[in-house]
Amino acid sequence: MSRSYATTSIPNTVVVPNYVGNEVVSGSGTSYTLANTPLINSQTIYAKGQFQTLSIDYTISGKVITFISGSWAAGDIIAYYLK
């Protein structure tokens, strides 16, 4: 049985199955919800272009990102992850 995977092409690299790139995350303030639940520790999060560090800048539970300090506006958060 063959499997079908959703893929995203990353410029100048290989095609990565189940990769979600450049997702503008929905939410506001300190709580945001991803479209999918990322594989554990596969996420990379940016707020206004600044890299955010897990457990220092934010926590994640399922699809929900909660920022520890700072409040952001809609469209400020970009996520990359494997689902």
C-alpha atoms as a PDB file:
ATOM      1  CA  MET A   1       0.000   0.000   0.000  1.00  0.00           C
ATOM      2  CA  SER A   2       1.451   3.374  -0.959  1.00  0.00           C
ATOM      3  CA  ARG A   3       1.038   6.470   1.149  1.00  0.00           C
ATOM      4  CA  SER A   4       0.226   9.934  -0.057  1.00  0.00           C
ATOM      5  CA  TYR A   5       1.879  12.844   1.745  1.00  0.00           C
ATOM      6  CA  ALA A   6       1.152  16.546   1.590  1.00  0.00           C
ATOM      7  CA  THR A   7       4.367  18.288   0.632  1.00  0.00           C
ATOM      8  CA  THR A   8       5.725  21.801   0.467  1.00  0.00           C
ATOM      9  CA  SER A   9       8.633  22.760  -1.725  1.00  0.00           C
ATOM     10  CA  ILE A  10      11.363  24.727   0.004  1.00  0.00           C
ATOM     11  CA  PRO A  11      13.388  26.907  -2.387  1.00  0.00           C
ATOM     12  CA  ASN A  12      16.868  25.545  -3.142  1.00  0.00           C
ATOM     13  CA  THR A  13      16.322  22.381  -1.072  1.00  0.00           C
ATOM     14  CA  VAL A  14      14.448  19.091  -1.236  1.00  0.00           C
ATOM     15  CA  VAL A  15      10.710  18.462  -0.922  1.00  0.00           C
ATOM     16  CA  VAL A  16       9.831  17.653   2.696  1.00  0.00           C
ATOM     17  CA  PRO A  17       6.699  15.573   3.420  1.00  0.00           C
ATOM     18  CA  ASN A  18       4.271  17.084   5.961  1.00  0.00           C
ATOM     19  CA  TYR A  19       6.208  20.355   6.213  1.00  0.00           C
ATOM     20  CA  VAL A  20       4.244  23.498   7.060  1.00  0.00           C
ATOM     21  CA  GLY A  21       6.198  26.602   6.184  1.00  0.00           C
ATOM     22  CA  ASN A  22       5.529  30.293   6.578  1.00  0.00           C
ATOM     23  CA  GLU A  23       2.184  29.814   8.355  1.00  0.00           C
ATOM     24  CA  VAL A  24       0.780  33.103   9.618  1.00  0.00           C
ATOM     25  CA  VAL A  25      -0.606  31.927  12.957  1.00  0.00           C
ATOM     26  CA  SER A  26      -4.081  33.018  14.058  1.00  0.00           C
ATOM     27  CA  GLY A  27      -4.655  34.684  17.407  1.00  0.00           C
ATOM     28  CA  SER A  28      -3.667  37.816  19.285  1.00  0.00           C
ATOM     29  CA  GLY A  29      -2.115  38.927  22.555  1.00  0.00           C
ATOM     30  CA  THR A  30      -0.285  35.996  24.130  1.00  0.00           C
ATOM     31  CA  SER A  31      -2.258  33.021  22.728  1.00  0.00           C
ATOM     32  CA  TYR A  32      -2.094  31.703  19.167  1.00  0.00           C
ATOM     33  CA  THR A  33      -3.416  28.557  17.479  1.00  0.00           C
ATOM     34  CA  LEU A  34      -1.607  26.678  14.709  1.00  0.00           C
ATOM     35  CA  ALA A  35      -3.567  25.090  11.863  1.00  0.00           C
ATOM     36  CA  ASN A  36      -2.094  21.667  12.748  1.00  0.00           C
ATOM     37  CA  THR A  37      -0.475  20.003  15.755  1.00  0.00           C
ATOM     38  CA  PRO A  38       3.287  19.981  15.113  1.00  0.00           C
ATOM     39  CA  LEU A  39       5.490  16.966  15.751  1.00  0.00           C
ATOM     40  CA  ILE A  40       7.181  17.433  19.112  1.00  0.00           C
ATOM     41  CA  ASN A  41      10.083  19.907  18.919  1.00  0.00           C
ATOM     42  CA  SER A  42       9.750  20.379  15.157  1.00  0.00           C
ATOM     43  CA  GLN A  43       8.466  23.957  15.359  1.00  0.00           C
ATOM     44  CA  THR A  44      10.355  27.146  14.679  1.00  0.00           C
ATOM     45  CA  ILE A  45       8.497  30.269  15.751  1.00  0.00           C
ATOM     46  CA  TYR A  46       9.144  33.915  14.830  1.00  0.00           C
ATOM     47  CA  ALA A  47       7.461  37.001  16.282  1.00  0.00           C
ATOM     48  CA  LYS A  48       7.906  40.103  14.127  1.00  0.00           C
ATOM     49  CA  GLY A  49      10.879  38.402  12.500  1.00  0.00           C
ATOM     50  CA  GLN A  50      12.616  37.567  15.780  1.00  0.00           C
ATOM     51  CA  PHE A  51      13.352  33.896  16.548  1.00  0.00           C
ATOM     52  CA  GLN A  52      11.490  32.698  19.656  1.00  0.00           C
ATOM     53  CA  THR A  53      12.953  30.081  22.018  1.00  0.00           C
ATOM     54  CA  LEU A  54      10.773  27.320  23.456  1.00  0.00           C
ATOM     55  CA  SER A  55      10.353  27.568  27.261  1.00  0.00           C
ATOM     56  CA  ILE A  56      11.990  31.006  27.317  1.00  0.00           C
ATOM     57  CA  ASP A  57       9.747  32.973  24.949  1.00  0.00           C
ATOM     58  CA  TYR A  58       6.794  30.609  24.527  1.00  0.00           C
ATOM     59  CA  THR A  59       5.214  27.305  25.486  1.00  0.00           C
ATOM     60  CA  ILE A  60       3.257  24.984  23.227  1.00  0.00           C
ATOM     61  CA  SER A  61       0.497  22.515  24.015  1.00  0.00           C
ATOM     62  CA  GLY A  62      -1.026  20.703  21.049  1.00  0.00           C
ATOM     63  CA  LYS A  63      -1.778  23.449  18.518  1.00  0.00           C
ATOM     64  CA  VAL A  64      -1.751  26.337  21.030  1.00  0.00           C
ATOM     65  CA  ILE A  65       1.275  28.619  21.436  1.00  0.00           C
ATOM     66  CA  THR A  66       1.323  30.803  24.552  1.00  0.00           C
ATOM     67  CA  PHE A  67       3.901  33.571  24.795  1.00  0.00           C
ATOM     68  CA  ILE A  68       5.537  33.965  28.199  1.00  0.00           C
ATOM     69  CA  SER A  69       6.361  37.626  27.815  1.00  0.00           C
ATOM     70  CA  GLY A  70       5.214  40.095  25.241  1.00  0.00           C
ATOM     71  CA  SER A  71       1.966  40.540  23.435  1.00  0.00           C
ATOM     72  CA  TRP A  72       1.691  40.329  19.673  1.00  0.00           C
ATOM     73  CA  ALA A  73      -0.816  41.486  17.067  1.00  0.00           C
ATOM     74  CA  ALA A  74      -2.534  39.321  14.457  1.00  0.00           C
ATOM     75  CA  GLY A  75      -0.059  38.579  11.658  1.00  0.00           C
ATOM     76  CA  ASP A  76       3.042  39.042  13.846  1.00  0.00           C
ATOM     77  CA  ILE A  77       3.621  35.293  14.386  1.00  0.00           C
ATOM     78  CA  ILE A  78       5.080  33.008  11.702  1.00  0.00           C
ATOM     79  CA  ALA A  79       5.533  29.256  12.252  1.00  0.00           C
ATOM     80  CA  TYR A  80       7.430  26.472  10.504  1.00  0.00           C
ATOM     81  CA  TYR A  81       6.912  22.856  11.596  1.00  0.00           C
ATOM     82  CA  LEU A  82       6.361  19.220  10.666  1.00  0.00           C
ATOM     83  CA  LYS A  83       2.887  17.823  11.144  1.00  0.00           C
END
